[in-house]
Protein backbone atom coordinates (compact mmCIF):
# COMPACT_ATOMS: atom_id res chain seq x y z
CA UNK A 1 163.12 35.03 163.62
CA UNK A 2 163.65 35.17 167.51
CA UNK A 3 160.42 35.72 169.60
CA UNK A 4 160.40 39.39 171.11
CA UNK A 5 159.52 40.17 174.79
CA UNK A 6 158.17 43.28 176.14
CA UNK A 7 160.29 45.30 178.44
CA UNK A 8 158.24 44.34 181.45
CA UNK A 9 158.49 40.70 180.64
CA UNK A 10 162.28 40.76 180.30
CA UNK A 11 162.59 42.53 183.50
CA UNK A 12 160.54 40.16 185.37
CA UNK A 13 162.45 37.08 183.77
CA UNK A 14 165.99 38.95 184.82
CA UNK A 15 164.38 39.55 188.39
CA UNK A 16 164.72 43.28 188.29
CA UNK A 17 162.48 46.44 188.68
CA UNK A 18 161.61 47.69 185.09
CA UNK A 19 161.50 51.26 186.32
CA UNK A 20 164.83 51.15 187.73
CA UNK A 21 166.50 49.82 184.38
CA UNK A 22 167.94 52.10 181.92
CA UNK A 23 165.51 54.17 179.84
CA UNK A 24 166.53 51.99 176.31
CA UNK A 25 166.07 48.91 178.29
CA UNK A 26 162.17 50.00 179.40
CA UNK A 27 161.44 51.21 175.81
CA UNK A 28 162.94 48.61 173.58
CA UNK A 29 161.43 45.22 173.09
CA UNK A 30 164.16 42.14 173.66
CA UNK A 31 164.50 39.12 171.77
CA UNK A 32 164.95 35.88 173.42
CA UNK A 33 168.76 35.66 172.22
CA UNK A 34 169.15 39.26 173.72
CA UNK A 35 167.63 38.05 177.07
CA UNK A 36 170.31 34.80 176.84
CA UNK A 37 173.00 37.19 176.55
CA UNK A 38 172.05 39.37 179.33
CA UNK A 39 171.88 36.39 181.51
CA UNK A 40 175.23 35.03 180.68
CA UNK A 41 176.94 38.14 180.60
CA UNK A 42 174.91 40.74 182.51
CA UNK A 43 175.98 44.27 182.05
CA UNK A 44 177.14 46.43 184.99
CA UNK A 45 173.86 47.90 185.18
CA UNK A 46 172.07 44.55 185.43
CA UNK A 47 174.43 43.55 188.22
CA UNK A 48 174.14 46.51 190.26
CA UNK A 49 170.41 46.38 189.88
CA UNK A 50 170.34 42.59 191.04
CA UNK A 51 172.80 43.33 194.01
CA UNK A 52 171.36 46.51 195.32
CA UNK A 53 167.99 47.19 193.92
CA UNK A 54 165.40 48.66 194.34
CA UNK A 55 163.85 45.07 194.14
CA UNK A 56 160.55 43.75 192.65
CA UNK A 57 157.90 42.66 194.95
CA UNK A 58 158.62 38.95 194.32
CA UNK A 59 162.40 39.47 195.01
CA UNK A 60 161.89 41.53 198.16
CA UNK A 61 159.57 38.97 199.41
CA UNK A 62 162.07 36.00 198.74
CA UNK A 63 164.99 38.00 200.41
CA UNK A 64 162.83 38.33 203.53
CA UNK A 65 161.80 35.11 203.38
CA UNK A 66 157.94 35.89 203.35
CA UNK A 67 155.13 35.69 200.48
CA UNK A 68 154.08 38.53 198.51
CA UNK A 69 150.91 38.78 200.51
CA UNK A 70 153.07 39.22 203.65
CA UNK A 71 154.46 41.95 202.07
CA UNK A 72 151.19 43.63 201.16
CA UNK A 73 149.98 42.80 204.71
CA UNK A 74 152.71 44.64 206.50
CA UNK A 75 151.85 47.81 204.15
CA UNK A 76 155.11 47.45 202.13
CA UNK A 77 153.95 49.00 198.82
CA UNK A 78 157.48 50.57 197.34
CA UNK A 79 160.12 48.82 196.03
CA UNK A 80 162.96 47.96 198.72
CA UNK A 81 166.73 48.41 198.25
CA UNK A 82 169.59 45.92 199.58
CA UNK A 83 170.00 48.51 202.49
CA UNK A 84 166.40 48.52 203.41
CA UNK A 85 166.07 44.70 203.14
CA UNK A 86 169.22 44.23 205.02
CA UNK A 87 167.85 46.46 207.70
CA UNK A 88 164.56 44.39 208.00
CA UNK A 89 166.76 41.24 208.39
CA UNK A 90 169.27 42.58 210.95
CA UNK A 91 166.56 43.88 213.11
CA UNK A 92 163.27 42.08 212.15
CA UNK A 93 159.99 43.94 213.38
CA UNK A 94 157.39 41.83 214.95
CA UNK A 95 155.44 41.74 211.68
CA UNK A 96 158.44 40.23 209.65
CA UNK A 97 158.87 37.82 212.37
CA UNK A 98 155.53 36.65 212.17
CA UNK A 99 155.04 36.70 208.43
CA UNK A 100 158.17 34.41 208.18
CA UNK A 101 156.33 31.90 210.56
CA UNK A 102 153.30 31.80 208.64
CA UNK A 103 155.25 31.55 205.43
CA UNK A 104 157.15 28.74 206.91
CA UNK A 105 154.05 26.93 207.83
CA UNK A 106 152.61 27.30 204.49
CA UNK A 107 155.56 25.99 202.77
CA UNK A 108 155.67 23.09 205.07
CA UNK A 109 151.91 22.33 204.58
CA UNK A 110 152.32 22.44 200.72
CA UNK A 111 155.41 20.01 200.84
CA UNK A 112 153.27 17.54 203.32
CA UNK A 113 150.20 18.09 200.72
CA UNK A 114 152.65 17.26 197.60
CA UNK A 115 154.36 14.10 199.56
CA UNK A 116 150.68 12.90 200.44
CA UNK A 117 149.59 13.15 196.71
CA UNK A 118 152.74 10.77 195.75
CA UNK A 119 151.52 7.90 198.06
């Protein structure tokens, strides 16, 4: 018998916002086999959500090149869609420029520490 996942876990694994998914997806546990099928051959609604959003916090942060904490510090509490993310990237506000630099430094420092541990 295949393990079932809560809809919220399945949405997280698919990189989508649960509340934007169809109602039957939101209310039905999904098996790992079903999740694999969704990944391999995504239905139109899933392709659309991944392309246009609204996106979960982690996906929004990654698209903007910042951390989840950076989103929080900027006061971004609602999910953003592709147009909103695109507008921020096209004309980055000061907070986004700052958070991208902070994120870049943190990633570089983490890489340096990881490299240091290898030696």
